[in-house]
Amino acid sequence: MIPEDLRYTSEHEWVASDGSGPVRVGITHFAQDALGDIVYVQLPDEGTEVQAGDSIGEIESTKSVSELYAPLAGTIVARNATLADEPELINAEPYAAGWLVEIAPADPASVDALLDAAGYRALTES
């Protein structure tokens, strides 16, 4: 289950962009499945400036703690506050209600440099 309309990172994050404005970021079905039951999420504050590859938080599951990474440079403009009380939404709806943050990209074209669905599928099947 890899939505065709999203972009992806090799760290198993997805990016949804409408081509203008902020992008929405979450972790993929593959990632949430590997993590198991998610019990806690730490997200950056709104207004935080990030560079591509920066650690921007953590996801804790019953199995492990994993870092979250910024898929691109920009400013955090929103965080999914619902996850503080319902982190399991990431397991239930990784591409919908389980989104993590929204980033206003420093360079909107940087979204195009991320993996497309076919590239991400190849990564997860290798």
N, C-alpha and C. Protein backbone atom coordinates (compact mmCIF):
# COMPACT_ATOMS: atom_id res chain seq x y z
N MET A 1 0.85 -1.19 0.00
CA MET A 1 0.00 0.00 0.00
C MET A 1 0.89 1.25 0.00
N ILE A 2 1.23 1.71 -1.19
CA ILE A 2 2.07 2.89 -1.37
C ILE A 2 1.31 3.87 -2.26
N PRO A 3 0.70 4.89 -1.66
CA PRO A 3 -0.06 5.86 -2.48
C PRO A 3 0.80 6.50 -3.57
N GLU A 4 0.24 6.56 -4.77
CA GLU A 4 0.97 7.07 -5.93
C GLU A 4 1.16 8.59 -5.90
N ASP A 5 0.32 9.30 -5.16
CA ASP A 5 0.34 10.77 -5.22
C ASP A 5 1.26 11.41 -4.19
N LEU A 6 2.03 10.61 -3.46
CA LEU A 6 2.93 11.13 -2.44
C LEU A 6 4.38 11.00 -2.88
N ARG A 7 5.28 11.70 -2.17
CA ARG A 7 6.71 11.53 -2.34
C ARG A 7 7.24 10.87 -1.08
N TYR A 8 8.42 10.25 -1.15
CA TYR A 8 8.93 9.42 -0.06
C TYR A 8 10.41 9.66 0.18
N THR A 9 10.86 9.31 1.40
CA THR A 9 12.28 9.35 1.72
C THR A 9 12.76 7.93 2.00
N SER A 10 14.07 7.76 1.98
CA SER A 10 14.63 6.45 2.30
C SER A 10 14.50 6.13 3.78
N GLU A 11 14.10 7.13 4.59
CA GLU A 11 13.84 6.91 6.03
C GLU A 11 12.37 6.55 6.27
N HIS A 12 11.63 6.26 5.21
CA HIS A 12 10.25 5.79 5.29
C HIS A 12 9.27 6.86 5.76
N GLU A 13 9.50 8.08 5.28
CA GLU A 13 8.55 9.15 5.51
C GLU A 13 7.88 9.50 4.19
N TRP A 14 6.64 10.00 4.29
CA TRP A 14 5.94 10.45 3.09
C TRP A 14 5.74 11.96 3.17
N VAL A 15 5.61 12.57 2.00
CA VAL A 15 5.38 14.01 1.88
C VAL A 15 4.23 14.21 0.90
N ALA A 16 3.20 14.94 1.35
CA ALA A 16 2.07 15.30 0.49
C ALA A 16 2.18 16.77 0.16
N SER A 17 2.16 17.09 -1.13
CA SER A 17 2.28 18.48 -1.57
C SER A 17 1.24 18.77 -2.62
N ASP A 18 0.64 19.96 -2.51
CA ASP A 18 -0.28 20.38 -3.57
C ASP A 18 0.43 21.32 -4.55
N GLY A 19 1.75 21.47 -4.37
CA GLY A 19 2.54 22.31 -5.25
C GLY A 19 2.70 23.74 -4.77
N SER A 20 1.89 24.13 -3.78
CA SER A 20 2.03 25.47 -3.21
C SER A 20 1.74 25.37 -1.72
N GLY A 21 2.44 26.16 -0.95
CA GLY A 21 2.20 26.16 0.49
C GLY A 21 2.87 25.01 1.20
N PRO A 22 2.48 24.80 2.47
CA PRO A 22 3.12 23.77 3.29
C PRO A 22 2.88 22.35 2.76
N VAL A 23 3.82 21.47 3.10
CA VAL A 23 3.68 20.04 2.78
C VAL A 23 3.37 19.30 4.08
N ARG A 24 2.60 18.24 3.97
CA ARG A 24 2.27 17.41 5.14
C ARG A 24 3.20 16.21 5.13
N VAL A 25 3.67 15.82 6.33
CA VAL A 25 4.67 14.76 6.47
C VAL A 25 4.16 13.71 7.45
N GLY A 26 4.42 12.45 7.14
CA GLY A 26 4.09 11.35 8.04
C GLY A 26 5.05 10.20 7.80
N ILE A 27 4.81 9.10 8.49
CA ILE A 27 5.60 7.90 8.20
C ILE A 27 4.75 6.93 7.40
N THR A 28 5.40 6.09 6.64
CA THR A 28 4.70 5.19 5.73
C THR A 28 4.09 3.99 6.46
N HIS A 29 3.21 3.32 5.75
CA HIS A 29 2.62 2.08 6.27
C HIS A 29 3.74 1.08 6.58
N PHE A 30 4.74 1.00 5.72
CA PHE A 30 5.87 0.11 5.92
C PHE A 30 6.55 0.41 7.26
N ALA A 31 6.78 1.70 7.55
CA ALA A 31 7.46 2.10 8.78
C ALA A 31 6.62 1.81 10.02
N GLN A 32 5.33 2.16 9.97
CA GLN A 32 4.51 1.92 11.16
C GLN A 32 4.36 0.42 11.41
N ASP A 33 4.32 -0.37 10.35
CA ASP A 33 4.21 -1.82 10.48
C ASP A 33 5.48 -2.39 11.14
N ALA A 34 6.64 -1.87 10.73
CA ALA A 34 7.90 -2.33 11.30
C ALA A 34 8.03 -1.92 12.77
N LEU A 35 7.51 -0.74 13.12
CA LEU A 35 7.60 -0.25 14.49
C LEU A 35 6.71 -1.03 15.45
N GLY A 36 5.55 -1.45 14.98
CA GLY A 36 4.59 -2.09 15.88
C GLY A 36 3.71 -1.03 16.52
N ASP A 37 3.11 -1.36 17.66
CA ASP A 37 2.16 -0.46 18.31
C ASP A 37 2.85 0.80 18.82
N ILE A 38 2.45 1.94 18.26
CA ILE A 38 3.04 3.22 18.63
C ILE A 38 2.35 3.75 19.89
N VAL A 39 3.19 4.13 20.88
CA VAL A 39 2.65 4.55 22.18
C VAL A 39 2.96 6.00 22.53
N TYR A 40 3.90 6.64 21.82
CA TYR A 40 4.27 8.01 22.14
C TYR A 40 4.94 8.66 20.94
N VAL A 41 4.66 9.94 20.74
CA VAL A 41 5.28 10.70 19.65
C VAL A 41 5.77 12.04 20.20
N GLN A 42 7.01 12.39 19.89
CA GLN A 42 7.55 13.70 20.23
C GLN A 42 7.75 14.45 18.92
N LEU A 43 7.10 15.61 18.80
CA LEU A 43 7.16 16.40 17.57
C LEU A 43 7.76 17.78 17.86
N PRO A 44 8.35 18.41 16.84
CA PRO A 44 8.94 19.74 17.04
C PRO A 44 7.86 20.80 17.21
N ASP A 45 8.25 21.92 17.81
CA ASP A 45 7.33 23.04 17.98
C ASP A 45 7.13 23.77 16.66
N GLU A 46 5.94 24.38 16.53
CA GLU A 46 5.71 25.23 15.37
C GLU A 46 6.72 26.37 15.39
N GLY A 47 7.19 26.75 14.20
CA GLY A 47 8.18 27.81 14.10
C GLY A 47 9.61 27.30 14.06
N THR A 48 9.81 26.00 14.32
CA THR A 48 11.15 25.41 14.29
C THR A 48 11.66 25.38 12.85
N GLU A 49 12.87 25.90 12.66
CA GLU A 49 13.53 25.84 11.35
C GLU A 49 14.25 24.50 11.26
N VAL A 50 14.10 23.80 10.14
CA VAL A 50 14.74 22.50 9.98
C VAL A 50 15.49 22.44 8.65
N GLN A 51 16.52 21.61 8.64
CA GLN A 51 17.25 21.30 7.41
C GLN A 51 16.93 19.85 7.03
N ALA A 52 16.99 19.55 5.75
CA ALA A 52 16.74 18.18 5.30
C ALA A 52 17.67 17.23 6.04
N GLY A 53 17.11 16.18 6.60
CA GLY A 53 17.90 15.18 7.32
C GLY A 53 18.02 15.43 8.80
N ASP A 54 17.61 16.63 9.27
CA ASP A 54 17.64 16.92 10.72
C ASP A 54 16.70 15.99 11.47
N SER A 55 17.09 15.60 12.66
CA SER A 55 16.17 14.88 13.55
C SER A 55 15.14 15.89 14.04
N ILE A 56 13.85 15.55 13.88
CA ILE A 56 12.80 16.49 14.30
C ILE A 56 11.88 15.89 15.36
N GLY A 57 12.23 14.74 15.88
CA GLY A 57 11.40 14.15 16.92
C GLY A 57 11.62 12.66 17.01
N GLU A 58 10.75 12.02 17.78
CA GLU A 58 10.87 10.58 18.00
C GLU A 58 9.49 9.93 17.99
N ILE A 59 9.48 8.68 17.57
CA ILE A 59 8.30 7.83 17.68
C ILE A 59 8.68 6.64 18.54
N GLU A 60 7.92 6.43 19.60
CA GLU A 60 8.19 5.32 20.51
C GLU A 60 7.10 4.27 20.32
N SER A 61 7.54 3.04 20.15
CA SER A 61 6.60 1.93 20.02
C SER A 61 6.89 0.92 21.13
N THR A 62 6.09 -0.13 21.17
CA THR A 62 6.32 -1.17 22.16
C THR A 62 7.64 -1.90 21.87
N LYS A 63 8.19 -1.75 20.65
CA LYS A 63 9.43 -2.43 20.27
C LYS A 63 10.66 -1.56 20.41
N SER A 64 10.55 -0.25 20.08
CA SER A 64 11.75 0.58 19.99
C SER A 64 11.40 2.06 19.97
N VAL A 65 12.45 2.88 19.96
CA VAL A 65 12.31 4.32 19.75
C VAL A 65 13.01 4.65 18.45
N SER A 66 12.33 5.37 17.55
CA SER A 66 12.90 5.73 16.26
C SER A 66 12.90 7.24 16.09
N GLU A 67 13.95 7.73 15.46
CA GLU A 67 14.05 9.16 15.15
C GLU A 67 13.14 9.49 13.96
N LEU A 68 12.63 10.71 13.98
CA LEU A 68 11.95 11.27 12.81
C LEU A 68 12.91 12.26 12.17
N TYR A 69 12.93 12.30 10.84
CA TYR A 69 13.84 13.19 10.14
C TYR A 69 13.06 14.12 9.22
N ALA A 70 13.56 15.35 9.09
CA ALA A 70 12.95 16.31 8.17
C ALA A 70 13.24 15.86 6.74
N PRO A 71 12.20 15.69 5.92
CA PRO A 71 12.43 15.26 4.54
C PRO A 71 12.99 16.39 3.66
N LEU A 72 12.82 17.63 4.11
CA LEU A 72 13.31 18.78 3.36
C LEU A 72 13.49 19.96 4.30
N ALA A 73 14.21 20.97 3.83
CA ALA A 73 14.46 22.17 4.64
C ALA A 73 13.22 23.07 4.64
N GLY A 74 13.01 23.73 5.78
CA GLY A 74 11.89 24.66 5.86
C GLY A 74 11.55 24.97 7.31
N THR A 75 10.31 25.40 7.52
CA THR A 75 9.83 25.78 8.84
C THR A 75 8.62 24.94 9.20
N ILE A 76 8.62 24.39 10.42
CA ILE A 76 7.45 23.65 10.91
C ILE A 76 6.32 24.65 11.11
N VAL A 77 5.20 24.45 10.43
CA VAL A 77 4.08 25.39 10.56
C VAL A 77 2.88 24.76 11.28
N ALA A 78 2.88 23.44 11.42
CA ALA A 78 1.81 22.77 12.16
C ALA A 78 2.32 21.42 12.64
N ARG A 79 1.73 20.96 13.74
CA ARG A 79 2.02 19.62 14.24
C ARG A 79 0.69 18.99 14.60
N ASN A 80 0.61 17.70 14.47
CA ASN A 80 -0.64 16.98 14.71
C ASN A 80 -0.82 16.78 16.21
N ALA A 81 -1.50 17.73 16.85
CA ALA A 81 -1.68 17.71 18.31
C ALA A 81 -2.48 16.50 18.78
N THR A 82 -3.31 15.95 17.93
CA THR A 82 -4.12 14.79 18.30
C THR A 82 -3.25 13.60 18.70
N LEU A 83 -2.04 13.52 18.14
CA LEU A 83 -1.17 12.38 18.41
C LEU A 83 -0.69 12.32 19.85
N ALA A 84 -0.73 13.45 20.58
CA ALA A 84 -0.33 13.45 21.99
C ALA A 84 -1.21 12.49 22.79
N ASP A 85 -2.50 12.47 22.49
CA ASP A 85 -3.45 11.60 23.19
C ASP A 85 -3.75 10.31 22.43
N GLU A 86 -3.51 10.32 21.11
CA GLU A 86 -3.86 9.15 20.29
C GLU A 86 -2.72 8.79 19.33
N PRO A 87 -1.55 8.42 19.85
CA PRO A 87 -0.44 8.09 18.95
C PRO A 87 -0.74 6.88 18.06
N GLU A 88 -1.68 6.06 18.49
CA GLU A 88 -2.04 4.87 17.71
C GLU A 88 -2.66 5.22 16.35
N LEU A 89 -3.04 6.49 16.15
CA LEU A 89 -3.55 6.91 14.83
C LEU A 89 -2.50 6.69 13.75
N ILE A 90 -1.23 6.75 14.13
CA ILE A 90 -0.17 6.52 13.14
C ILE A 90 -0.25 5.08 12.63
N ASN A 91 -0.56 4.13 13.50
CA ASN A 91 -0.74 2.74 13.06
C ASN A 91 -2.02 2.58 12.24
N ALA A 92 -3.10 3.19 12.71
CA ALA A 92 -4.41 3.00 12.09
C ALA A 92 -4.53 3.72 10.74
N GLU A 93 -4.01 4.94 10.65
CA GLU A 93 -4.18 5.75 9.45
C GLU A 93 -2.89 6.51 9.12
N PRO A 94 -1.83 5.80 8.74
CA PRO A 94 -0.54 6.48 8.54
C PRO A 94 -0.58 7.57 7.46
N TYR A 95 -1.48 7.44 6.46
CA TYR A 95 -1.53 8.43 5.37
C TYR A 95 -2.66 9.44 5.55
N ALA A 96 -3.37 9.40 6.66
CA ALA A 96 -4.50 10.31 6.86
C ALA A 96 -4.39 10.96 8.24
N ALA A 97 -5.20 10.53 9.19
CA ALA A 97 -5.24 11.15 10.52
C ALA A 97 -3.93 11.00 11.28
N GLY A 98 -3.05 10.07 10.87
CA GLY A 98 -1.78 9.85 11.55
C GLY A 98 -0.63 10.70 11.04
N TRP A 99 -0.91 11.76 10.28
CA TRP A 99 0.17 12.66 9.82
C TRP A 99 0.88 13.26 11.02
N LEU A 100 2.11 13.73 10.81
CA LEU A 100 2.94 14.22 11.92
C LEU A 100 3.07 15.74 11.97
N VAL A 101 3.65 16.33 10.92
CA VAL A 101 3.88 17.77 10.89
C VAL A 101 3.59 18.32 9.50
N GLU A 102 3.47 19.65 9.44
CA GLU A 102 3.44 20.35 8.16
C GLU A 102 4.64 21.28 8.13
N ILE A 103 5.31 21.31 6.98
CA ILE A 103 6.51 22.12 6.80
C ILE A 103 6.30 23.07 5.63
N ALA A 104 6.61 24.36 5.86
CA ALA A 104 6.67 25.31 4.75
C ALA A 104 8.07 25.16 4.14
N PRO A 105 8.17 24.57 2.95
CA PRO A 105 9.50 24.29 2.40
C PRO A 105 10.27 25.56 2.04
N ALA A 106 11.57 25.55 2.32
CA ALA A 106 12.44 26.65 1.92
C ALA A 106 12.50 26.72 0.40
N ASP A 107 12.47 25.55 -0.25
CA ASP A 107 12.48 25.46 -1.71
C ASP A 107 11.41 24.45 -2.12
N PRO A 108 10.24 24.93 -2.59
CA PRO A 108 9.16 24.00 -2.96
C PRO A 108 9.58 22.94 -3.97
N ALA A 109 10.56 23.24 -4.82
CA ALA A 109 11.02 22.27 -5.81
C ALA A 109 11.73 21.08 -5.17
N SER A 110 12.15 21.23 -3.90
CA SER A 110 12.86 20.12 -3.24
C SER A 110 11.96 18.90 -3.07
N VAL A 111 10.66 19.09 -3.09
CA VAL A 111 9.72 17.95 -3.00
C VAL A 111 9.94 17.01 -4.18
N ASP A 112 10.19 17.60 -5.36
CA ASP A 112 10.36 16.80 -6.58
C ASP A 112 11.60 15.91 -6.53
N ALA A 113 12.57 16.25 -5.66
CA ALA A 113 13.80 15.46 -5.55
C ALA A 113 13.60 14.20 -4.72
N LEU A 114 12.47 14.10 -4.01
CA LEU A 114 12.20 12.92 -3.18
C LEU A 114 11.77 11.75 -4.07
N LEU A 115 11.77 10.56 -3.49
CA LEU A 115 11.38 9.35 -4.24
C LEU A 115 9.91 9.41 -4.64
N ASP A 116 9.61 8.94 -5.84
CA ASP A 116 8.21 8.76 -6.21
C ASP A 116 7.77 7.38 -5.72
N ALA A 117 6.51 7.04 -5.93
CA ALA A 117 5.97 5.78 -5.41
C ALA A 117 6.76 4.57 -5.95
N ALA A 118 7.11 4.59 -7.22
CA ALA A 118 7.86 3.47 -7.81
C ALA A 118 9.25 3.34 -7.16
N GLY A 119 9.90 4.47 -6.93
CA GLY A 119 11.21 4.45 -6.29
C GLY A 119 11.13 3.94 -4.85
N TYR A 120 10.08 4.36 -4.14
CA TYR A 120 9.92 3.89 -2.76
C TYR A 120 9.58 2.41 -2.73
N ARG A 121 8.75 1.96 -3.67
CA ARG A 121 8.40 0.54 -3.74
C ARG A 121 9.65 -0.29 -3.97
N ALA A 122 10.52 0.17 -4.86
CA ALA A 122 11.79 -0.54 -5.12
C ALA A 122 12.64 -0.60 -3.86
N LEU A 123 12.67 0.49 -3.10
CA LEU A 123 13.45 0.54 -1.86
C LEU A 123 12.93 -0.49 -0.85
N THR A 124 11.62 -0.59 -0.70
CA THR A 124 11.06 -1.48 0.32
C THR A 124 11.07 -2.94 -0.12
N GLU A 125 11.20 -3.19 -1.40
CA GLU A 125 11.20 -4.58 -1.88
C GLU A 125 12.62 -5.14 -1.99
N SER A 126 13.63 -4.28 -1.81
CA SER A 126 15.01 -4.78 -1.96
C SER A 126 15.53 -5.34 -0.63
